[in-house]
C-alpha atoms as a PDB file:
ATOM      1  CA  MET A   1      -8.600 -14.654  17.059  1.00  0.00           C
ATOM      2  CA  LEU A   2      -8.227 -12.750  13.635  1.00  0.00           C
ATOM      3  CA  LEU A   3      -5.184 -10.367  14.610  1.00  0.00           C
ATOM      4  CA  ARG A   4      -3.506 -13.522  16.117  1.00  0.00           C
ATOM      5  CA  GLU A   5      -3.796 -15.268  12.535  1.00  0.00           C
ATOM      6  CA  ASP A   6      -3.073 -11.967  10.907  1.00  0.00           C
ATOM      7  CA  HIS A   7       0.176 -11.814  12.490  1.00  0.00           C
ATOM      8  CA  LYS A   8       0.819 -15.459  11.473  1.00  0.00           C
ATOM      9  CA  THR A   9       0.434 -15.096   7.691  1.00  0.00           C
ATOM     10  CA  VAL A  10       2.379 -11.841   7.867  1.00  0.00           C
ATOM     11  CA  GLU A  11       5.402 -13.648   9.698  1.00  0.00           C
ATOM     12  CA  LYS A  12       5.600 -16.330   6.685  1.00  0.00           C
ATOM     13  CA  LEU A  13       5.559 -13.223   4.204  1.00  0.00           C
ATOM     14  CA  PHE A  14       8.624 -11.612   6.088  1.00  0.00           C
ATOM     15  CA  LYS A  15      10.276 -14.790   6.343  1.00  0.00           C
ATOM     16  CA  THR A  16       9.662 -15.336   2.402  1.00  0.00           C
ATOM     17  CA  PHE A  17      10.981 -11.895   2.037  1.00  0.00           C
ATOM     18  CA  GLU A  18      14.108 -12.467   3.869  1.00  0.00           C
ATOM     19  CA  LYS A  19      15.059 -15.534   1.779  1.00  0.00           C
ATOM     20  CA  THR A  20      14.786 -13.074  -1.553  1.00  0.00           C
ATOM     21  CA  ASN A  21      18.134 -11.806  -3.348  1.00  0.00           C
ATOM     22  CA  ASP A  22      18.589  -8.527  -3.988  1.00  0.00           C
ATOM     23  CA  GLU A  23      18.070  -8.905  -8.335  1.00  0.00           C
ATOM     24  CA  ASP A  24      14.537 -10.675  -7.433  1.00  0.00           C
ATOM     25  CA  THR A  25      12.637  -7.291  -7.091  1.00  0.00           C
ATOM     26  CA  THR A  26       9.702  -9.120  -8.673  1.00  0.00           C
ATOM     27  CA  GLU A  27       9.418 -10.989  -6.085  1.00  0.00           C
ATOM     28  CA  ARG A  28      10.095  -8.801  -3.440  1.00  0.00           C
ATOM     29  CA  ARG A  29       7.501  -6.625  -4.880  1.00  0.00           C
ATOM     30  CA  ARG A  30       4.785  -9.408  -4.904  1.00  0.00           C
ATOM     31  CA  ILE A  31       5.435 -10.278  -1.147  1.00  0.00           C
ATOM     32  CA  VAL A  32       5.453  -6.438  -0.542  1.00  0.00           C
ATOM     33  CA  ASP A  33       2.010  -6.344  -2.064  1.00  0.00           C
ATOM     34  CA  GLU A  34       0.752  -8.902   0.194  1.00  0.00           C
ATOM     35  CA  VAL A  35       1.892  -7.766   3.276  1.00  0.00           C
ATOM     36  CA  ILE A  36       0.444  -4.172   2.929  1.00  0.00           C
ATOM     37  CA  GLU A  37      -3.151  -5.794   1.983  1.00  0.00           C
ATOM     38  CA  GLU A  38      -2.851  -7.993   5.034  1.00  0.00           C
ATOM     39  CA  LEU A  39      -1.628  -5.292   7.686  1.00  0.00           C
ATOM     40  CA  THR A  40      -3.402  -2.091   6.129  1.00  0.00           C
ATOM     41  CA  VAL A  41      -6.744  -3.745   8.104  1.00  0.00           C
ATOM     42  CA  HIS A  42      -4.569  -5.130  11.109  1.00  0.00           C
ATOM     43  CA  ALA A  43      -2.738  -1.748  11.430  1.00  0.00           C
ATOM     44  CA  TRP A  44      -6.298   0.000  11.394  1.00  0.00           C
ATOM     45  CA  ILE A  45      -7.869  -2.344  13.533  1.00  0.00           C
ATOM     46  CA  GLU A  46      -5.360  -1.854  16.176  1.00  0.00           C
ATOM     47  CA  GLU A  47      -4.699   1.952  15.333  1.00  0.00           C
ATOM     48  CA  HIS A  48      -1.301   1.745  14.183  1.00  0.00           C
ATOM     49  CA  HIS A  49      -0.252   4.779  12.122  1.00  0.00           C
ATOM     50  CA  ALA A  50       2.968   4.385  11.959  1.00  0.00           C
ATOM     51  CA  VAL A  51       2.681   0.974   9.922  1.00  0.00           C
ATOM     52  CA  VAL A  52       0.232   2.472   8.072  1.00  0.00           C
ATOM     53  CA  TRP A  53       2.318   5.429   7.101  1.00  0.00           C
ATOM     54  CA  MET A  54       5.582   2.898   6.330  1.00  0.00           C
ATOM     55  CA  LEU A  55       2.751   1.144   4.071  1.00  0.00           C
ATOM     56  CA  SER A  56       1.965   3.349   2.398  1.00  0.00           C
ATOM     57  CA  GLU A  57       5.698   4.661   1.086  1.00  0.00           C
ATOM     58  CA  LEU A  58       6.211   0.672   0.795  1.00  0.00           C
ATOM     59  CA  LYS A  59       3.394   0.846  -1.617  1.00  0.00           C
ATOM     60  CA  THR A  60       4.684   3.498  -4.005  1.00  0.00           C
ATOM     61  CA  MET A  61       7.947   2.554  -3.649  1.00  0.00           C
ATOM     62  CA  ASP A  62       9.890   0.947  -6.769  1.00  0.00           C
ATOM     63  CA  ALA A  63      11.210  -2.597  -5.403  1.00  0.00           C
ATOM     64  CA  SER A  64      14.611  -2.209  -6.635  1.00  0.00           C
ATOM     65  CA  HIS A  65      14.671   1.406  -4.700  1.00  0.00           C
ATOM     66  CA  GLU A  66      17.808   1.519  -2.601  1.00  0.00           C
ATOM     67  CA  ARG A  67      15.859   2.058   0.577  1.00  0.00           C
ATOM     68  CA  PHE A  68      13.104  -0.798  -0.640  1.00  0.00           C
ATOM     69  CA  LYS A  69      14.715  -3.552   1.602  1.00  0.00           C
ATOM     70  CA  ALA A  70      15.335  -1.520   4.198  1.00  0.00           C
ATOM     71  CA  LYS A  71      11.904   0.058   4.868  1.00  0.00           C
ATOM     72  CA  MET A  72      10.965  -3.719   4.953  1.00  0.00           C
ATOM     73  CA  SER A  73      13.132  -4.603   7.249  1.00  0.00           C
ATOM     74  CA  VAL A  74      11.895  -1.364   9.691  1.00  0.00           C
ATOM     75  CA  LEU A  75       8.084  -2.619   9.154  1.00  0.00           C
ATOM     76  CA  MET A  76       9.592  -6.292  10.538  1.00  0.00           C
ATOM     77  CA  GLU A  77      10.722  -5.494  13.302  1.00  0.00           C
END
C-alpha cells in the first residue's frame, strides 16, 4: 500500500516537472528535491540501486545544467 502511494506521488511530481519551462530552474529544483526525498526511501525498500545512483547525481547537479532535464527524463522512464 505504501509503495503504491509513493508511485502516485512521484508520478504527479513527474507530470508537474514535465510542465515546467526551461527558464524555471527554481521550480525544477524544488520538484526534483521532492522526487529525491520520495524515491530515496522507496528505492531502498525495493533495492533499486540504479535509481539511488541517479538520485544522488540529481541532488548535486545544478538545475540549470544542460543534462539536468535529461537525467530527470531518464528517471521518469
